[in-house]
């Protein structure tokens, strides 16, 4: 029978760093408000649960139900959001977490049986470094990509204007706060710059 030795302090530190990187990526990616100390507190809570879950008394924390409850608590601690905003943070938490885990697995597979494996760098350090780099990438480039491309495609519609027999097409930004109405017909008004 194989016996494994687990060092609680190293497990706590590794989980804390990964949870912190993941939560910071979620915070930046979703533009969630709130103080950074809450993110640190939530990462420490997640790391502590990771260590406690090794105990036979807390086996329930290793079930799918237990993991979902704990991750929801972590997200709730990190971000003072409510309702759909909290659900959005929870979804980002899992999506970015899955992407980070997939990236780490891909990198491990990529460097398997290469000079990286023959070096003294353990897989744990390699995986942790890869996860941190991926979290950093999601924090900065992922968030800006979504803001530039995804939101723009969701918030715009093609618009065709016909005036005096002449026609033009342009992208229209949907403004959900616009309540301007034509005073004669009572229909909603579209605002277009004159040169368009």
N, C-alpha and C. Protein backbone atom coordinates (compact mmCIF):
# COMPACT_ATOMS: atom_id res chain seq x y z
N UNK A 1 0.84 -1.18 0.00
CA UNK A 1 0.00 0.00 0.00
C UNK A 1 0.89 1.24 0.00
N UNK A 2 0.55 2.19 -0.87
CA UNK A 2 1.33 3.42 -0.98
C UNK A 2 0.84 4.42 0.06
N UNK A 3 1.80 5.04 0.74
CA UNK A 3 1.47 6.06 1.73
C UNK A 3 1.93 7.41 1.21
N UNK A 4 1.06 8.38 1.32
CA UNK A 4 1.39 9.73 0.89
C UNK A 4 1.48 10.64 2.11
N UNK A 5 2.44 11.54 2.08
CA UNK A 5 2.59 12.53 3.14
C UNK A 5 2.12 13.87 2.58
N UNK A 6 1.17 14.49 3.27
CA UNK A 6 0.64 15.78 2.85
C UNK A 6 1.01 16.80 3.92
N UNK A 7 1.67 17.86 3.51
CA UNK A 7 2.04 18.93 4.43
C UNK A 7 0.94 19.99 4.39
N UNK A 8 0.28 20.16 5.53
CA UNK A 8 -0.86 21.07 5.60
C UNK A 8 -0.51 22.51 5.26
N UNK A 9 0.67 22.96 5.71
CA UNK A 9 1.05 24.35 5.43
C UNK A 9 1.28 24.59 3.95
N UNK A 10 1.92 23.61 3.27
CA UNK A 10 2.15 23.75 1.83
C UNK A 10 0.84 23.65 1.04
N UNK A 11 -0.05 22.77 1.49
CA UNK A 11 -1.35 22.64 0.85
C UNK A 11 -2.14 23.93 1.00
N UNK A 12 -2.11 24.51 2.21
CA UNK A 12 -2.81 25.77 2.45
C UNK A 12 -2.24 26.87 1.56
N UNK A 13 -0.92 26.98 1.52
CA UNK A 13 -0.28 28.04 0.72
C UNK A 13 -0.59 27.89 -0.76
N UNK A 14 -0.51 26.66 -1.28
CA UNK A 14 -0.80 26.42 -2.69
C UNK A 14 -2.25 26.75 -3.02
N UNK A 15 -3.18 26.26 -2.17
CA UNK A 15 -4.60 26.56 -2.40
C UNK A 15 -4.88 28.05 -2.28
N UNK A 16 -4.23 28.72 -1.33
CA UNK A 16 -4.43 30.15 -1.15
C UNK A 16 -4.00 30.92 -2.40
N UNK A 17 -2.82 30.60 -2.92
CA UNK A 17 -2.30 31.29 -4.10
C UNK A 17 -3.21 31.06 -5.31
N UNK A 18 -3.64 29.80 -5.50
CA UNK A 18 -4.52 29.49 -6.63
C UNK A 18 -5.88 30.17 -6.49
N UNK A 19 -6.47 30.09 -5.29
CA UNK A 19 -7.76 30.74 -5.07
C UNK A 19 -7.67 32.25 -5.24
N UNK A 20 -6.58 32.83 -4.74
CA UNK A 20 -6.39 34.28 -4.85
C UNK A 20 -6.26 34.69 -6.32
N UNK A 21 -5.46 33.95 -7.08
CA UNK A 21 -5.30 34.26 -8.51
C UNK A 21 -6.62 34.12 -9.24
N UNK A 22 -7.37 33.07 -8.93
CA UNK A 22 -8.66 32.84 -9.57
C UNK A 22 -9.65 33.95 -9.23
N UNK A 23 -9.72 34.33 -7.97
CA UNK A 23 -10.67 35.36 -7.55
C UNK A 23 -10.31 36.74 -8.11
N UNK A 24 -9.02 37.04 -8.19
CA UNK A 24 -8.61 38.31 -8.79
C UNK A 24 -8.97 38.33 -10.28
N UNK A 25 -8.78 37.18 -10.95
CA UNK A 25 -9.16 37.09 -12.36
C UNK A 25 -10.67 37.30 -12.52
N UNK A 26 -11.47 36.69 -11.65
CA UNK A 26 -12.92 36.85 -11.70
C UNK A 26 -13.31 38.31 -11.44
N UNK A 27 -12.65 38.93 -10.45
CA UNK A 27 -12.94 40.32 -10.09
C UNK A 27 -12.69 41.26 -11.27
N UNK A 28 -11.56 41.08 -11.93
CA UNK A 28 -11.22 41.94 -13.06
C UNK A 28 -12.05 41.60 -14.29
N UNK A 29 -12.23 40.31 -14.53
CA UNK A 29 -12.96 39.86 -15.72
C UNK A 29 -14.41 40.35 -15.69
N UNK A 30 -15.03 40.25 -14.52
CA UNK A 30 -16.43 40.66 -14.39
C UNK A 30 -16.62 42.07 -13.91
N UNK A 31 -15.52 42.77 -13.64
CA UNK A 31 -15.57 44.14 -13.14
C UNK A 31 -16.44 44.23 -11.88
N UNK A 32 -16.17 43.33 -10.93
CA UNK A 32 -16.95 43.29 -9.70
C UNK A 32 -16.37 44.27 -8.70
N UNK A 33 -17.24 45.10 -8.09
CA UNK A 33 -16.75 46.06 -7.09
C UNK A 33 -16.45 45.36 -5.77
N UNK A 34 -15.85 46.08 -4.87
CA UNK A 34 -15.58 45.54 -3.54
C UNK A 34 -14.11 45.63 -3.20
N UNK A 35 -13.83 45.68 -1.90
CA UNK A 35 -12.43 45.81 -1.47
C UNK A 35 -11.64 44.53 -1.70
N UNK A 36 -10.33 44.72 -1.90
CA UNK A 36 -9.45 43.58 -2.16
C UNK A 36 -9.28 42.69 -0.94
N UNK A 37 -9.45 43.26 0.26
CA UNK A 37 -9.29 42.43 1.46
C UNK A 37 -10.32 41.30 1.49
N UNK A 38 -11.50 41.51 0.89
CA UNK A 38 -12.51 40.45 0.84
C UNK A 38 -12.03 39.29 -0.03
N UNK A 39 -11.32 39.61 -1.12
CA UNK A 39 -10.79 38.58 -2.00
C UNK A 39 -9.73 37.76 -1.24
N UNK A 40 -8.87 38.44 -0.47
CA UNK A 40 -7.86 37.74 0.33
C UNK A 40 -8.53 36.85 1.38
N UNK A 41 -9.57 37.36 2.02
CA UNK A 41 -10.30 36.59 3.03
C UNK A 41 -10.94 35.35 2.42
N UNK A 42 -11.56 35.52 1.25
CA UNK A 42 -12.20 34.38 0.58
C UNK A 42 -11.17 33.35 0.15
N UNK A 43 -10.00 33.79 -0.33
CA UNK A 43 -8.94 32.86 -0.72
C UNK A 43 -8.42 32.09 0.49
N UNK A 44 -8.28 32.77 1.62
CA UNK A 44 -7.84 32.10 2.85
C UNK A 44 -8.89 31.09 3.31
N UNK A 45 -10.16 31.45 3.20
CA UNK A 45 -11.25 30.54 3.56
C UNK A 45 -11.21 29.29 2.68
N UNK A 46 -11.06 29.48 1.38
CA UNK A 46 -10.99 28.34 0.46
C UNK A 46 -9.79 27.45 0.74
N UNK A 47 -8.64 28.06 1.06
CA UNK A 47 -7.44 27.28 1.38
C UNK A 47 -7.63 26.49 2.67
N UNK A 48 -8.28 27.11 3.65
CA UNK A 48 -8.53 26.42 4.92
C UNK A 48 -9.47 25.22 4.71
N UNK A 49 -10.50 25.41 3.89
CA UNK A 49 -11.42 24.31 3.59
C UNK A 49 -10.68 23.18 2.87
N UNK A 50 -9.74 23.54 1.99
CA UNK A 50 -8.96 22.53 1.29
C UNK A 50 -8.16 21.66 2.25
N UNK A 51 -7.63 22.26 3.31
CA UNK A 51 -6.87 21.49 4.30
C UNK A 51 -7.82 20.67 5.17
N UNK A 52 -8.91 21.28 5.61
CA UNK A 52 -9.88 20.58 6.47
C UNK A 52 -10.50 19.39 5.76
N UNK A 53 -10.72 19.51 4.45
CA UNK A 53 -11.39 18.44 3.71
C UNK A 53 -10.58 17.14 3.67
N UNK A 54 -9.31 17.19 4.06
CA UNK A 54 -8.51 15.96 4.12
C UNK A 54 -8.90 15.07 5.29
N UNK A 55 -9.54 15.66 6.30
CA UNK A 55 -9.96 14.90 7.46
C UNK A 55 -11.15 14.00 7.11
N UNK A 56 -11.15 12.80 7.67
CA UNK A 56 -12.24 11.85 7.41
C UNK A 56 -13.59 12.39 7.89
N UNK A 57 -13.57 13.26 8.90
CA UNK A 57 -14.82 13.84 9.43
C UNK A 57 -15.48 14.79 8.43
N UNK A 58 -14.68 15.37 7.55
CA UNK A 58 -15.19 16.36 6.62
C UNK A 58 -15.21 15.85 5.18
N UNK A 59 -15.43 14.56 5.01
CA UNK A 59 -15.47 13.95 3.67
C UNK A 59 -16.56 14.57 2.79
N UNK A 60 -17.61 15.09 3.42
CA UNK A 60 -18.71 15.70 2.67
C UNK A 60 -18.23 16.88 1.83
N UNK A 61 -17.14 17.53 2.26
CA UNK A 61 -16.60 18.66 1.51
C UNK A 61 -15.99 18.23 0.18
N UNK A 62 -15.72 16.94 0.04
CA UNK A 62 -15.13 16.44 -1.21
C UNK A 62 -16.16 15.96 -2.21
N UNK A 63 -17.44 15.97 -1.81
CA UNK A 63 -18.50 15.59 -2.74
C UNK A 63 -18.80 16.76 -3.67
N UNK A 64 -19.51 16.49 -4.75
CA UNK A 64 -19.87 17.56 -5.68
C UNK A 64 -20.71 18.61 -4.97
N UNK A 65 -21.68 18.15 -4.19
CA UNK A 65 -22.54 19.08 -3.46
C UNK A 65 -21.71 19.95 -2.51
N UNK A 66 -20.78 19.34 -1.79
CA UNK A 66 -19.93 20.08 -0.86
C UNK A 66 -19.06 21.09 -1.57
N UNK A 67 -18.50 20.70 -2.72
CA UNK A 67 -17.64 21.62 -3.48
C UNK A 67 -18.43 22.81 -4.02
N UNK A 68 -19.65 22.56 -4.47
CA UNK A 68 -20.47 23.66 -4.99
C UNK A 68 -20.83 24.63 -3.87
N UNK A 69 -21.21 24.10 -2.71
CA UNK A 69 -21.55 24.96 -1.57
C UNK A 69 -20.34 25.79 -1.14
N UNK A 70 -19.18 25.14 -1.02
CA UNK A 70 -17.96 25.85 -0.60
C UNK A 70 -17.59 26.92 -1.61
N UNK A 71 -17.63 26.59 -2.90
CA UNK A 71 -17.26 27.59 -3.91
C UNK A 71 -18.25 28.75 -3.92
N UNK A 72 -19.53 28.47 -3.67
CA UNK A 72 -20.50 29.56 -3.59
C UNK A 72 -20.21 30.46 -2.39
N UNK A 73 -19.80 29.86 -1.27
CA UNK A 73 -19.41 30.65 -0.10
C UNK A 73 -18.17 31.50 -0.38
N UNK A 74 -17.21 30.92 -1.09
CA UNK A 74 -15.99 31.65 -1.45
C UNK A 74 -16.34 32.87 -2.29
N UNK A 75 -17.18 32.68 -3.31
CA UNK A 75 -17.58 33.78 -4.19
C UNK A 75 -18.37 34.83 -3.41
N UNK A 76 -19.26 34.38 -2.52
CA UNK A 76 -20.05 35.31 -1.70
C UNK A 76 -19.17 36.13 -0.77
N UNK A 77 -18.13 35.51 -0.23
CA UNK A 77 -17.20 36.24 0.63
C UNK A 77 -16.39 37.26 -0.17
N UNK A 78 -15.99 36.88 -1.37
CA UNK A 78 -15.11 37.75 -2.17
C UNK A 78 -15.82 38.96 -2.74
N UNK A 79 -17.07 38.79 -3.16
CA UNK A 79 -17.76 39.86 -3.88
C UNK A 79 -19.08 40.20 -3.19
N UNK A 80 -19.24 41.45 -2.75
CA UNK A 80 -20.48 41.85 -2.08
C UNK A 80 -21.59 42.12 -3.10
N UNK A 81 -21.93 41.10 -3.89
CA UNK A 81 -22.96 41.24 -4.91
C UNK A 81 -24.19 40.45 -4.48
N UNK A 82 -25.31 40.74 -5.13
CA UNK A 82 -26.55 40.03 -4.81
C UNK A 82 -27.25 39.64 -6.10
N UNK A 83 -28.12 38.66 -5.99
CA UNK A 83 -28.97 38.26 -7.11
C UNK A 83 -28.19 37.78 -8.32
N UNK A 84 -28.58 38.29 -9.48
CA UNK A 84 -27.99 37.83 -10.73
C UNK A 84 -26.50 38.17 -10.82
N UNK A 85 -26.10 39.25 -10.18
CA UNK A 85 -24.68 39.64 -10.20
C UNK A 85 -23.83 38.60 -9.47
N UNK A 86 -24.34 38.07 -8.36
CA UNK A 86 -23.64 37.03 -7.61
C UNK A 86 -23.59 35.73 -8.42
N UNK A 87 -24.68 35.40 -9.09
CA UNK A 87 -24.70 34.20 -9.94
C UNK A 87 -23.69 34.36 -11.08
N UNK A 88 -23.59 35.56 -11.64
CA UNK A 88 -22.61 35.81 -12.70
C UNK A 88 -21.19 35.60 -12.19
N UNK A 89 -20.90 36.09 -10.98
CA UNK A 89 -19.57 35.89 -10.39
C UNK A 89 -19.30 34.41 -10.17
N UNK A 90 -20.31 33.67 -9.74
CA UNK A 90 -20.19 32.23 -9.51
C UNK A 90 -19.89 31.51 -10.82
N UNK A 91 -20.57 31.90 -11.90
CA UNK A 91 -20.33 31.27 -13.21
C UNK A 91 -18.92 31.61 -13.71
N UNK A 92 -18.51 32.87 -13.57
CA UNK A 92 -17.14 33.26 -13.96
C UNK A 92 -16.11 32.46 -13.17
N UNK A 93 -16.38 32.26 -11.88
CA UNK A 93 -15.47 31.51 -11.01
C UNK A 93 -15.22 30.12 -11.59
N UNK A 94 -16.29 29.45 -12.01
CA UNK A 94 -16.12 28.10 -12.56
C UNK A 94 -15.53 28.12 -13.97
N UNK A 95 -15.98 29.03 -14.81
CA UNK A 95 -15.46 29.06 -16.18
C UNK A 95 -13.96 29.36 -16.21
N UNK A 96 -13.54 30.36 -15.45
CA UNK A 96 -12.12 30.70 -15.42
C UNK A 96 -11.33 29.60 -14.72
N UNK A 97 -11.91 29.01 -13.68
CA UNK A 97 -11.25 27.89 -12.99
C UNK A 97 -11.04 26.70 -13.91
N UNK A 98 -12.06 26.36 -14.70
CA UNK A 98 -11.93 25.25 -15.64
C UNK A 98 -10.90 25.57 -16.72
N UNK A 99 -10.89 26.81 -17.18
CA UNK A 99 -9.91 27.21 -18.20
C UNK A 99 -8.49 27.13 -17.64
N UNK A 100 -8.32 27.59 -16.39
CA UNK A 100 -7.00 27.51 -15.76
C UNK A 100 -6.56 26.05 -15.61
N UNK A 101 -7.47 25.20 -15.14
CA UNK A 101 -7.13 23.79 -14.93
C UNK A 101 -6.79 23.12 -16.27
N UNK A 102 -7.56 23.44 -17.31
CA UNK A 102 -7.28 22.88 -18.63
C UNK A 102 -5.93 23.34 -19.16
N UNK A 103 -5.61 24.62 -18.91
CA UNK A 103 -4.31 25.14 -19.34
C UNK A 103 -3.16 24.46 -18.63
N UNK A 104 -3.34 24.22 -17.33
CA UNK A 104 -2.29 23.54 -16.55
C UNK A 104 -2.11 22.10 -17.04
N UNK A 105 -3.22 21.41 -17.30
CA UNK A 105 -3.13 20.03 -17.82
C UNK A 105 -2.46 20.00 -19.18
N UNK A 106 -2.80 20.97 -20.03
CA UNK A 106 -2.20 21.03 -21.36
C UNK A 106 -0.70 21.29 -21.27
N UNK A 107 -0.31 22.19 -20.39
CA UNK A 107 1.11 22.50 -20.24
C UNK A 107 1.87 21.29 -19.69
N UNK A 108 1.27 20.60 -18.72
CA UNK A 108 1.90 19.40 -18.16
C UNK A 108 2.08 18.34 -19.24
N UNK A 109 1.05 18.17 -20.07
CA UNK A 109 1.15 17.20 -21.16
C UNK A 109 2.21 17.63 -22.16
N UNK A 110 2.28 18.93 -22.43
CA UNK A 110 3.21 19.46 -23.42
C UNK A 110 4.66 19.24 -23.00
N UNK A 111 4.96 19.41 -21.72
CA UNK A 111 6.35 19.29 -21.27
C UNK A 111 6.69 17.90 -20.77
N UNK A 112 5.74 16.97 -20.83
CA UNK A 112 6.00 15.60 -20.37
C UNK A 112 7.10 14.96 -21.22
N UNK A 113 8.03 14.30 -20.55
CA UNK A 113 9.17 13.64 -21.21
C UNK A 113 10.05 14.61 -21.99
N UNK A 114 10.20 15.82 -21.47
CA UNK A 114 11.10 16.78 -22.09
C UNK A 114 12.12 17.20 -21.04
N UNK A 115 12.93 18.17 -21.41
CA UNK A 115 13.95 18.63 -20.48
C UNK A 115 13.35 19.24 -19.21
N UNK A 116 12.10 19.76 -19.30
CA UNK A 116 11.45 20.30 -18.11
C UNK A 116 11.29 19.22 -17.06
N UNK A 117 10.88 18.03 -17.52
CA UNK A 117 10.66 16.95 -16.57
C UNK A 117 11.98 16.50 -15.95
N UNK A 118 13.06 16.55 -16.71
CA UNK A 118 14.35 16.13 -16.19
C UNK A 118 14.99 17.16 -15.28
N UNK A 119 14.45 18.39 -15.29
CA UNK A 119 14.99 19.41 -14.39
C UNK A 119 14.49 19.14 -12.98
N UNK A 120 14.97 19.91 -12.03
CA UNK A 120 14.58 19.72 -10.64
C UNK A 120 13.26 20.44 -10.31
N UNK A 121 12.62 21.05 -11.32
CA UNK A 121 11.37 21.77 -11.09
C UNK A 121 10.22 20.76 -10.96
N UNK A 122 9.58 20.68 -9.81
CA UNK A 122 8.50 19.71 -9.64
C UNK A 122 7.25 20.14 -10.40
N UNK A 123 6.40 19.16 -10.70
CA UNK A 123 5.16 19.45 -11.42
C UNK A 123 4.28 20.42 -10.65
N UNK A 124 4.31 20.36 -9.33
CA UNK A 124 3.50 21.26 -8.52
C UNK A 124 3.88 22.71 -8.79
N UNK A 125 5.16 23.00 -8.81
CA UNK A 125 5.62 24.36 -9.08
C UNK A 125 5.31 24.76 -10.52
N UNK A 126 5.46 23.83 -11.45
CA UNK A 126 5.15 24.10 -12.84
C UNK A 126 3.66 24.39 -13.01
N UNK A 127 2.82 23.55 -12.38
CA UNK A 127 1.38 23.75 -12.46
C UNK A 127 0.93 25.04 -11.81
N UNK A 128 1.52 25.36 -10.65
CA UNK A 128 1.17 26.59 -9.94
C UNK A 128 1.57 27.81 -10.77
N UNK A 129 2.76 27.76 -11.35
CA UNK A 129 3.21 28.87 -12.19
C UNK A 129 2.33 29.04 -13.41
N UNK A 130 1.95 27.92 -14.04
CA UNK A 130 1.08 27.99 -15.22
C UNK A 130 -0.29 28.55 -14.84
N UNK A 131 -0.83 28.12 -13.70
CA UNK A 131 -2.13 28.62 -13.26
C UNK A 131 -2.08 30.12 -12.99
N UNK A 132 -1.00 30.58 -12.38
CA UNK A 132 -0.88 32.01 -12.10
C UNK A 132 -0.76 32.82 -13.39
N UNK A 133 0.00 32.31 -14.35
CA UNK A 133 0.11 33.00 -15.64
C UNK A 133 -1.23 33.05 -16.36
N UNK A 134 -1.98 31.94 -16.31
CA UNK A 134 -3.29 31.93 -16.96
C UNK A 134 -4.26 32.88 -16.26
N UNK A 135 -4.22 32.92 -14.93
CA UNK A 135 -5.08 33.85 -14.19
C UNK A 135 -4.75 35.29 -14.55
N UNK A 136 -3.47 35.58 -14.67
CA UNK A 136 -3.03 36.92 -15.06
C UNK A 136 -3.53 37.26 -16.47
N UNK A 137 -3.43 36.28 -17.37
CA UNK A 137 -3.89 36.50 -18.74
C UNK A 137 -5.40 36.75 -18.77
N UNK A 138 -6.17 35.97 -18.01
CA UNK A 138 -7.61 36.19 -17.95
C UNK A 138 -7.93 37.54 -17.34
N UNK A 139 -7.16 37.94 -16.34
CA UNK A 139 -7.42 39.20 -15.65
C UNK A 139 -7.28 40.38 -16.59
N UNK A 140 -6.25 40.39 -17.40
CA UNK A 140 -5.97 41.55 -18.22
C UNK A 140 -6.48 41.41 -19.65
N UNK A 141 -5.99 40.43 -20.37
CA UNK A 141 -6.36 40.32 -21.78
C UNK A 141 -7.77 39.78 -21.96
N UNK A 142 -8.17 38.85 -21.11
CA UNK A 142 -9.52 38.29 -21.24
C UNK A 142 -10.59 39.33 -20.99
N UNK A 143 -10.41 40.13 -19.95
CA UNK A 143 -11.39 41.16 -19.61
C UNK A 143 -11.49 42.20 -20.72
N UNK A 144 -10.35 42.63 -21.24
CA UNK A 144 -10.39 43.65 -22.30
C UNK A 144 -10.99 43.07 -23.58
N UNK A 145 -10.74 41.79 -23.86
CA UNK A 145 -11.32 41.16 -25.05
C UNK A 145 -12.84 41.13 -24.95
N UNK A 146 -13.34 40.73 -23.80
CA UNK A 146 -14.79 40.66 -23.62
C UNK A 146 -15.40 42.05 -23.75
N UNK A 147 -14.78 43.05 -23.12
CA UNK A 147 -15.32 44.41 -23.18
C UNK A 147 -15.33 44.93 -24.61
N UNK A 148 -14.27 44.63 -25.38
CA UNK A 148 -14.17 45.15 -26.74
C UNK A 148 -15.09 44.42 -27.71
N UNK A 149 -15.10 43.09 -27.64
CA UNK A 149 -15.76 42.31 -28.68
C UNK A 149 -17.12 41.74 -28.29
N UNK A 150 -17.18 41.02 -27.20
CA UNK A 150 -18.40 40.32 -26.86
C UNK A 150 -19.51 41.30 -26.51
N UNK A 151 -19.21 42.26 -25.63
CA UNK A 151 -20.25 43.21 -25.24
C UNK A 151 -20.69 44.05 -26.42
N UNK A 152 -19.75 44.41 -27.28
CA UNK A 152 -20.10 45.22 -28.45
C UNK A 152 -21.04 44.45 -29.35
N UNK A 153 -20.78 43.16 -29.56
CA UNK A 153 -21.65 42.37 -30.44
C UNK A 153 -23.02 42.13 -29.82
N UNK A 154 -23.09 42.07 -28.50
CA UNK A 154 -24.37 41.86 -27.83
C UNK A 154 -25.17 43.16 -27.77
N UNK A 155 -24.50 44.28 -27.65
CA UNK A 155 -25.18 45.56 -27.45
C UNK A 155 -25.40 46.37 -28.72
N UNK A 156 -25.09 45.81 -29.88
CA UNK A 156 -25.34 46.55 -31.12
C UNK A 156 -26.26 45.75 -32.04
N UNK A 157 -26.97 46.48 -32.85
CA UNK A 157 -27.87 45.90 -33.84
C UNK A 157 -27.66 46.64 -35.15
N UNK A 158 -27.78 45.93 -36.28
CA UNK A 158 -27.70 46.65 -37.56
C UNK A 158 -28.96 47.50 -37.74
N UNK A 159 -28.79 48.72 -38.25
CA UNK A 159 -29.90 49.65 -38.42
C UNK A 159 -29.87 50.17 -39.85
N UNK A 160 -31.03 50.19 -40.50
CA UNK A 160 -31.15 50.73 -41.84
C UNK A 160 -32.08 51.94 -41.78
N UNK A 161 -31.59 53.07 -42.29
CA UNK A 161 -32.36 54.31 -42.27
C UNK A 161 -32.71 54.68 -43.71
N UNK A 162 -33.98 54.95 -43.97
CA UNK A 162 -34.44 55.38 -45.29
C UNK A 162 -35.02 56.77 -45.12
N UNK A 163 -34.47 57.74 -45.87
CA UNK A 163 -34.92 59.13 -45.78
C UNK A 163 -34.90 59.75 -47.17
N UNK A 164 -36.07 60.15 -47.64
CA UNK A 164 -36.15 60.77 -48.96
C UNK A 164 -35.69 59.86 -50.08
N UNK A 165 -35.97 58.58 -50.00
CA UNK A 165 -35.57 57.62 -51.03
C UNK A 165 -34.12 57.18 -50.94
N UNK A 166 -33.33 57.77 -50.03
CA UNK A 166 -31.93 57.36 -49.85
C UNK A 166 -31.84 56.44 -48.64
N UNK A 167 -30.93 55.48 -48.76
CA UNK A 167 -30.81 54.44 -47.74
C UNK A 167 -29.39 54.39 -47.20
N UNK A 168 -29.25 54.13 -45.90
CA UNK A 168 -27.91 53.90 -45.32
C UNK A 168 -28.05 52.88 -44.19
N UNK A 169 -26.97 52.12 -43.97
CA UNK A 169 -26.93 51.14 -42.89
C UNK A 169 -25.80 51.50 -41.94
N UNK A 170 -26.04 51.29 -40.65
CA UNK A 170 -25.01 51.56 -39.65
C UNK A 170 -25.30 50.73 -38.40
N UNK A 171 -24.27 50.48 -37.59
CA UNK A 171 -24.51 49.74 -36.34
C UNK A 171 -25.12 50.69 -35.30
N UNK A 172 -26.14 50.21 -34.60
CA UNK A 172 -26.82 51.02 -33.59
C UNK A 172 -26.53 50.44 -32.21
N UNK A 173 -26.15 51.30 -31.31
CA UNK A 173 -25.90 50.90 -29.93
C UNK A 173 -27.22 50.90 -29.18
N UNK A 174 -27.57 49.77 -28.57
CA UNK A 174 -28.82 49.68 -27.82
C UNK A 174 -28.63 50.39 -26.48
N UNK A 175 -29.45 51.38 -26.24
CA UNK A 175 -29.39 52.15 -25.01
C UNK A 175 -30.66 51.88 -24.22
N UNK A 176 -30.57 51.02 -23.23
CA UNK A 176 -31.76 50.62 -22.49
C UNK A 176 -32.29 51.74 -21.60
N UNK A 177 -31.49 52.78 -21.40
CA UNK A 177 -31.94 53.90 -20.57
C UNK A 177 -32.59 55.01 -21.37
N UNK A 178 -32.62 54.86 -22.71
CA UNK A 178 -33.18 55.91 -23.56
C UNK A 178 -34.70 55.82 -23.54
N UNK A 179 -35.35 56.88 -23.05
CA UNK A 179 -36.81 56.89 -22.99
C UNK A 179 -37.38 58.04 -23.80
N UNK A 180 -36.64 58.52 -24.80
CA UNK A 180 -37.12 59.62 -25.63
C UNK A 180 -38.23 59.13 -26.55
N UNK A 181 -39.29 59.94 -26.65
CA UNK A 181 -40.42 59.60 -27.51
C UNK A 181 -40.71 60.76 -28.43
N UNK A 182 -41.18 60.45 -29.65
CA UNK A 182 -41.62 61.48 -30.58
C UNK A 182 -42.89 62.11 -29.99
N UNK A 183 -42.93 63.44 -29.86
CA UNK A 183 -44.08 64.06 -29.21
C UNK A 183 -45.39 63.92 -30.00
N UNK A 184 -45.30 63.72 -31.33
CA UNK A 184 -46.50 63.61 -32.15
C UNK A 184 -47.02 62.17 -32.16
N UNK A 185 -46.12 61.20 -32.50
CA UNK A 185 -46.56 59.81 -32.66
C UNK A 185 -46.47 59.02 -31.36
N UNK A 186 -45.62 59.47 -30.42
CA UNK A 186 -45.44 58.72 -29.17
C UNK A 186 -44.54 57.51 -29.32
N UNK A 187 -43.91 57.38 -30.49
CA UNK A 187 -43.03 56.23 -30.73
C UNK A 187 -41.61 56.54 -30.25
N UNK A 188 -40.82 55.50 -29.89
CA UNK A 188 -39.44 55.72 -29.44
C UNK A 188 -38.60 56.39 -30.52
N UNK A 189 -37.65 57.21 -30.09
CA UNK A 189 -36.79 57.97 -30.99
C UNK A 189 -35.40 57.32 -31.05
N UNK A 190 -34.83 57.28 -32.25
CA UNK A 190 -33.45 56.82 -32.44
C UNK A 190 -32.61 58.06 -32.70
N UNK A 191 -31.52 58.21 -31.97
CA UNK A 191 -30.64 59.36 -32.15
C UNK A 191 -29.47 58.94 -33.04
N UNK A 192 -29.26 59.70 -34.12
CA UNK A 192 -28.18 59.40 -35.07
C UNK A 192 -27.40 60.68 -35.30
N UNK A 193 -26.08 60.59 -35.35
CA UNK A 193 -25.26 61.75 -35.67
C UNK A 193 -25.55 62.19 -37.10
N UNK A 194 -25.53 63.49 -37.33
CA UNK A 194 -25.94 64.05 -38.62
C UNK A 194 -25.11 63.52 -39.80
N UNK A 195 -23.78 63.40 -39.61
CA UNK A 195 -22.93 62.96 -40.73
C UNK A 195 -23.24 61.52 -41.16
N UNK A 196 -23.74 60.69 -40.23
CA UNK A 196 -24.11 59.30 -40.58
C UNK A 196 -25.32 59.29 -41.50
